[in-house]
Protein backbone atom coordinates (compact mmCIF):
# COMPACT_ATOMS: atom_id res chain seq x y z
CA MET A 1 133.93 275.86 29.80
CA ALA A 2 132.22 278.83 28.17
CA LYS A 3 129.23 278.42 30.51
CA ILE A 4 131.53 278.47 33.55
CA LYS A 5 133.25 281.65 32.36
CA LYS A 6 129.91 283.26 31.66
CA ARG A 7 128.61 282.32 35.09
CA THR A 8 131.73 283.73 36.74
CA PHE A 9 131.40 286.97 34.78
CA LEU A 10 127.75 287.32 35.79
CA ARG A 11 128.65 286.74 39.42
CA ILE A 12 131.31 289.43 39.33
CA LEU A 13 128.93 291.81 37.57
CA ILE A 14 126.18 291.25 40.13
CA PHE A 15 128.55 291.67 43.05
CA THR A 16 129.95 294.85 41.56
CA LEU A 17 126.54 296.36 40.88
CA LEU A 18 125.37 295.47 44.34
CA ILE A 19 128.33 297.13 46.01
CA VAL A 20 128.03 300.18 43.72
CA ALA A 21 124.36 300.49 44.70
CA VAL A 22 125.24 300.34 48.41
CA ILE A 23 128.06 302.91 48.00
CA LEU A 24 125.87 305.36 46.08
CA PHE A 25 122.93 304.91 48.43
CA VAL A 26 124.92 305.78 51.56
CA ARG A 27 127.31 308.17 49.75
CA ASP A 28 130.25 306.16 51.00
CA TRP A 29 133.29 307.87 49.48
CA ASN A 30 135.70 305.49 51.21
CA GLY A 31 133.78 302.76 49.45
CA VAL A 32 134.22 304.58 46.14
CA ARG A 33 137.95 304.55 46.55
CA LEU A 34 137.86 300.84 47.36
CA LEU A 35 135.72 300.21 44.29
CA VAL A 36 138.21 302.04 42.10
CA LEU A 37 141.05 299.99 43.58
CA THR A 38 139.20 296.68 43.24
CA PRO A 39 141.35 295.38 40.31
CA LYS A 40 144.53 295.98 42.36
CA ILE A 41 142.97 294.50 45.51
CA LEU A 42 141.98 291.33 43.60
CA LYS A 43 145.45 291.18 42.01
CA TYR A 44 147.26 291.17 45.34
CA ARG A 45 144.66 289.46 47.49
CA PRO A 46 146.28 285.97 47.27
CA ILE A 47 149.66 287.38 48.39
CA ILE A 48 148.05 289.50 51.12
CA LYS A 49 146.03 286.55 52.41
CA GLU A 50 149.10 284.32 52.45
CA HIS A 51 151.22 286.63 54.56
CA ALA A 52 148.34 287.84 56.76
CA SER A 53 147.51 284.19 57.53
CA THR A 54 151.13 283.47 58.39
CA HIS A 55 151.13 286.23 60.98
CA LYS A 56 147.53 285.66 62.15
CA LEU A 57 146.18 288.97 60.90
CA ASP A 58 143.01 289.73 59.00
CA TRP A 59 143.92 290.13 55.33
CA ARG A 60 141.31 292.91 55.08
CA LEU A 61 143.20 294.91 57.70
CA VAL A 62 146.42 294.61 55.70
CA THR A 63 144.52 295.57 52.57
CA ALA A 64 143.09 298.64 54.30
CA LEU A 65 146.58 299.59 55.37
CA ILE A 66 147.85 299.42 51.79
CA VAL A 67 144.92 301.51 50.53
CA GLN A 68 145.79 304.22 53.02
CA GLU A 69 149.55 304.00 52.62
CA SER A 70 149.92 303.94 48.85
CA GLY A 71 146.57 303.39 47.15
CA PHE A 72 148.15 300.20 45.78
CA ASN A 73 150.76 302.19 43.89
CA GLU A 74 153.80 299.89 43.80
CA ASN A 75 156.12 302.79 42.88
CA ALA A 76 154.86 305.28 45.52
CA VAL A 77 157.47 307.45 47.26
CA SER A 78 156.47 309.80 50.06
CA PRO A 79 158.07 313.20 50.74
CA ALA A 80 159.70 311.58 53.79
CA GLY A 81 161.25 308.83 51.67
CA ALA A 82 158.87 305.91 52.40
CA LYS A 83 158.64 303.56 49.43
CA GLY A 84 156.40 300.96 47.82
CA LEU A 85 152.99 299.50 48.53
CA MET A 86 153.49 299.53 52.28
CA GLN A 87 155.46 302.80 52.37
CA LEU A 88 158.39 301.38 54.27
CA MET A 89 161.12 303.81 55.37
CA PRO A 90 164.63 302.76 54.26
CA GLU A 91 165.74 301.98 57.83
CA THR A 92 162.61 299.90 58.53
CA ALA A 93 162.91 298.04 55.23
CA LYS A 94 166.53 297.17 56.06
CA GLU A 95 165.58 295.92 59.52
CA LEU A 96 162.87 293.75 58.00
CA GLY A 97 165.19 292.33 55.37
CA VAL A 98 163.29 293.95 52.49
CA ASN A 99 166.03 294.70 49.95
CA ASP A 100 163.70 296.24 47.38
CA PRO A 101 160.58 297.95 48.90
CA PHE A 102 159.27 298.49 45.35
CA GLU A 103 158.94 294.69 44.97
CA ALA A 104 155.32 294.15 45.96
CA GLU A 105 155.47 290.81 47.63
CA ALA A 106 158.61 291.61 49.62
CA SER A 107 156.99 294.82 50.79
CA ILE A 108 153.79 293.07 51.82
CA ALA A 109 155.65 290.23 53.55
CA GLY A 110 157.93 292.53 55.54
CA ALA A 111 155.25 295.07 56.49
CA THR A 112 152.77 292.39 57.53
CA ARG A 113 155.43 290.87 59.81
CA TYR A 114 156.19 294.32 61.14
CA LEU A 115 152.51 295.08 61.82
CA ARG A 116 152.21 291.84 63.74
CA SER A 117 155.26 292.68 65.84
CA LEU A 118 153.67 296.02 66.71
CA TYR A 119 150.42 294.31 67.63
CA ASP A 120 152.30 291.95 69.89
CA LEU A 121 153.75 294.88 71.85
CA TYR A 122 150.35 295.60 73.42
CA PRO A 123 149.04 292.33 74.90
CA LYS A 124 147.22 294.13 77.72
CA SER A 125 145.06 296.09 75.27
CA PRO A 126 141.69 294.67 74.13
CA HIS A 127 141.79 293.55 70.47
CA PRO A 128 140.05 296.58 68.91
CA ASN A 129 142.48 298.85 70.83
CA ARG A 130 145.50 296.75 69.94
CA ILE A 131 144.73 297.13 66.27
CA ARG A 132 144.48 300.90 66.53
CA ILE A 133 147.56 301.27 68.72
CA ALA A 134 149.54 299.06 66.34
CA LEU A 135 148.42 301.20 63.38
CA ALA A 136 149.39 304.37 65.26
CA SER A 137 152.81 302.84 65.95
CA TYR A 138 153.18 301.94 62.22
CA ASN A 139 152.45 305.54 61.24
CA GLY A 140 153.85 307.65 64.09
CA GLY A 141 156.56 305.38 65.45
CA ARG A 142 156.66 303.09 68.47
CA GLY A 143 158.66 305.65 70.45
CA HIS A 144 155.96 308.31 70.41
CA ILE A 145 153.34 305.74 71.42
CA LYS A 146 155.53 304.70 74.33
CA ASP A 147 155.88 308.33 75.45
CA ALA A 148 152.11 308.80 75.11
CA GLN A 149 151.54 305.77 77.30
CA LYS A 150 153.73 307.34 79.97
CA ILE A 151 151.70 310.56 79.83
CA THR A 152 148.44 308.60 79.92
CA SER A 153 149.55 306.78 83.09
CA HIS A 154 150.65 310.05 84.65
CA ARG A 155 147.16 311.45 83.97
CA ASP A 156 145.61 308.40 85.66
CA ASP A 157 144.07 307.23 82.42
CA ASP A 158 144.31 303.77 80.83
CA PRO A 159 147.50 303.48 78.69
CA PHE A 160 146.03 300.39 76.99
CA GLN A 161 142.99 302.18 75.54
CA TRP A 162 143.39 303.89 72.16
CA TRP A 163 141.14 306.84 72.93
CA CYS A 164 143.24 307.68 75.99
CA LEU A 165 146.46 307.39 74.07
CA SER A 166 145.03 309.44 71.23
CA ILE A 167 144.51 312.31 73.68
CA SER A 168 148.00 311.92 75.15
CA LEU A 169 149.63 312.05 71.73
CA GLY A 170 148.45 315.63 71.61
CA HIS A 171 150.47 316.40 74.72
CA LEU A 172 153.78 315.48 73.04
CA THR A 173 154.41 318.99 71.70
CA GLU A 174 156.39 322.00 72.95
CA MET A 175 153.09 323.38 74.33
CA ASP A 176 153.18 320.86 77.20
CA LYS A 177 156.69 321.42 78.61
CA LYS A 178 155.34 321.81 82.11
CA LEU A 179 153.69 318.39 81.94
CA HIS A 180 156.86 316.86 80.48
CA ALA A 181 158.89 318.24 83.39
CA GLU A 182 156.62 316.41 85.79
CA ILE A 183 157.24 313.10 84.04
CA TRP A 184 160.80 313.16 82.69
CA GLU A 185 163.91 314.51 84.39
CA SER A 186 165.13 316.06 81.15
CA GLY A 187 161.78 317.80 80.67
CA ILE A 188 161.60 316.45 77.14
CA PRO A 189 159.83 313.26 75.88
CA PRO A 190 162.53 310.60 75.36
CA HIS A 191 161.55 310.20 71.69
CA GLY A 192 161.21 313.91 70.99
CA TYR A 193 158.27 316.15 70.33
CA PHE A 194 155.52 314.79 68.13
CA ARG A 195 154.07 317.47 65.87
CA GLY A 196 152.35 314.92 63.61
CA TYR A 197 149.93 313.61 66.22
CA LYS A 198 146.86 314.86 64.34
CA GLU A 199 148.00 313.05 61.20
CA THR A 200 148.43 309.81 63.17
CA ARG A 201 144.96 310.13 64.72
CA GLU A 202 143.46 310.66 61.30
CA TYR A 203 145.53 307.83 59.84
CA VAL A 204 144.14 305.31 62.33
CA LYS A 205 140.63 306.55 61.69
CA ARG A 206 140.95 306.20 57.91
CA VAL A 207 142.52 302.73 57.96
CA MET A 208 139.77 301.50 60.28
CA LYS A 209 137.11 302.99 57.98
CA TYR A 210 138.55 301.10 55.02
CA TYR A 211 138.77 297.98 57.14
CA ASP A 212 135.14 298.25 58.23
CA ARG A 213 134.03 298.75 54.63
CA LEU A 214 136.04 295.76 53.43
CA CYS A 215 134.51 293.56 56.14
CA PHE A 216 131.04 294.81 55.17
CA TYR A 217 131.54 294.18 51.48
CA SER A 218 133.00 290.73 52.16
CA LYS A 219 129.77 289.82 53.89
CA ILE A 220 127.74 291.04 50.92
CA VAL A 221 129.89 289.00 48.53
CA HIS A 222 129.62 285.92 50.76
CA LYS A 223 125.81 286.19 50.88
CA GLY A 224 125.72 286.75 47.11
CA LYS A 225 127.75 283.63 46.52
CA SER A 226 125.45 281.63 48.76
CA VAL A 227 122.40 282.81 46.78
CA LEU A 228 123.94 282.21 43.36
CA SER A 229 125.21 278.75 44.30
CA LYS A 230 121.69 277.54 45.06
């Protein structure tokens, strides 16, 4: 029993040192944050995997989302009133049946289901784009994404490509009233002006960076396990 525990400890130590070496070598500060949060990630990984699997999502994507949303702080509260690990707004939490957003598993379960529902809204988008558009919807709201798609189509661009939508999000401000008048009779986007478009663009970029790092480190760990098991 002692030998098994010692072997497990050595494996964890080797994996950790390997990842630290990679992070320091490439000066990967996103990786540094992931490393600091490793104990929390390992703590919640079984729950995240369970609900991600239920909704056919990559558990590493859900993990990356939590890192960006709350840094795995169960008691996080944003200035806008979003709460818990997944930073659910009160109205969203109510719609998802999450009575207590500070309860970690309930927050993960509800938000993972919500993320999947957003992903399903864009079946015409290629998978990498669907992920990014779903994340943008999670952060900026489905309504603003819908308005951006309308602008994208009006500009003869592809409303199912994230980079096109990303540009169109920037046209949802008061600065583009002339464009809005060409599209909507009221002259105003149906879901209002979107002043936080830069934040949403950056949000998608950061979540995807964390996701990419998690995928990369997972491969390192997998290879390490294969070597140590021989």
